[in-house]
């Protein structure tokens, strides 16, 4: 296992987290149920202590490897799985796919010291909604959990930059032939998708395009339906692969 119990900073200097998704201001009726997965018991305990201080977050279970994570996810049906990338027996990325099968509503956040582009890209393909480095502050962990529970995608800024680099490489490797024509998006949907690709949330997109936030949400929903995808991040990957969008 390459990851270790690295420093998780308290308040102070930090990079912040790049988010993609709607802003939810309405209070929750029930706490966000979280499953913590890491092969270091001390790190798991540290996360539990941090999250126990949050009234709207409840740690419902823990696991020490990917195989156990799948079993616990099937049994507990958590809202969020906070999971390490590299663990013995079964790694986090491999476990992602199985967790999505046994607990489809669970959203997965990878929390790791790995800053490898391949790990990030594989995690997204496997169904992860967030990818955060363990060096982020404790406050940012709970903030990311809330954001992902509200439908956003969360990526550490340094990794977001690497993700764009991976997108560019992926586009260059893509065969010019397209067996199935890409679904046609309207001009407005393309505008929205381009702004989503920059990391803007719905509120900021609405201000940029002088439309309502609900209209933005409708456009995003239509984009996902047309592309037959499940998340904003997947839509951006698809659009770049199919050369609907270009990152300069």
Foldseek 3Di string as FASTA:
>chain_A
DPFDQDDAAADDDDQAKQKFEADDPDDDPAAAEEEEEALDPVSSVVLQVLQVVDPRHDHPYYYNALVVVLVVCLVPLGQEYEYEADHPPHGPLRSLLSSCVSRVNHAYAYEGQDLDLVSVVSSVVSGHQEYHYSHYHSVNVVVCSVRVSNAMRIYRVVSLVSPLVVLVVLQVPADPDDPDDQQDADPVLLLLLVVSNVRDYLVVSCVVVVHDSVVSVVSQVVLCVSRVHDGSVVSNSVCSNNVVDDDD
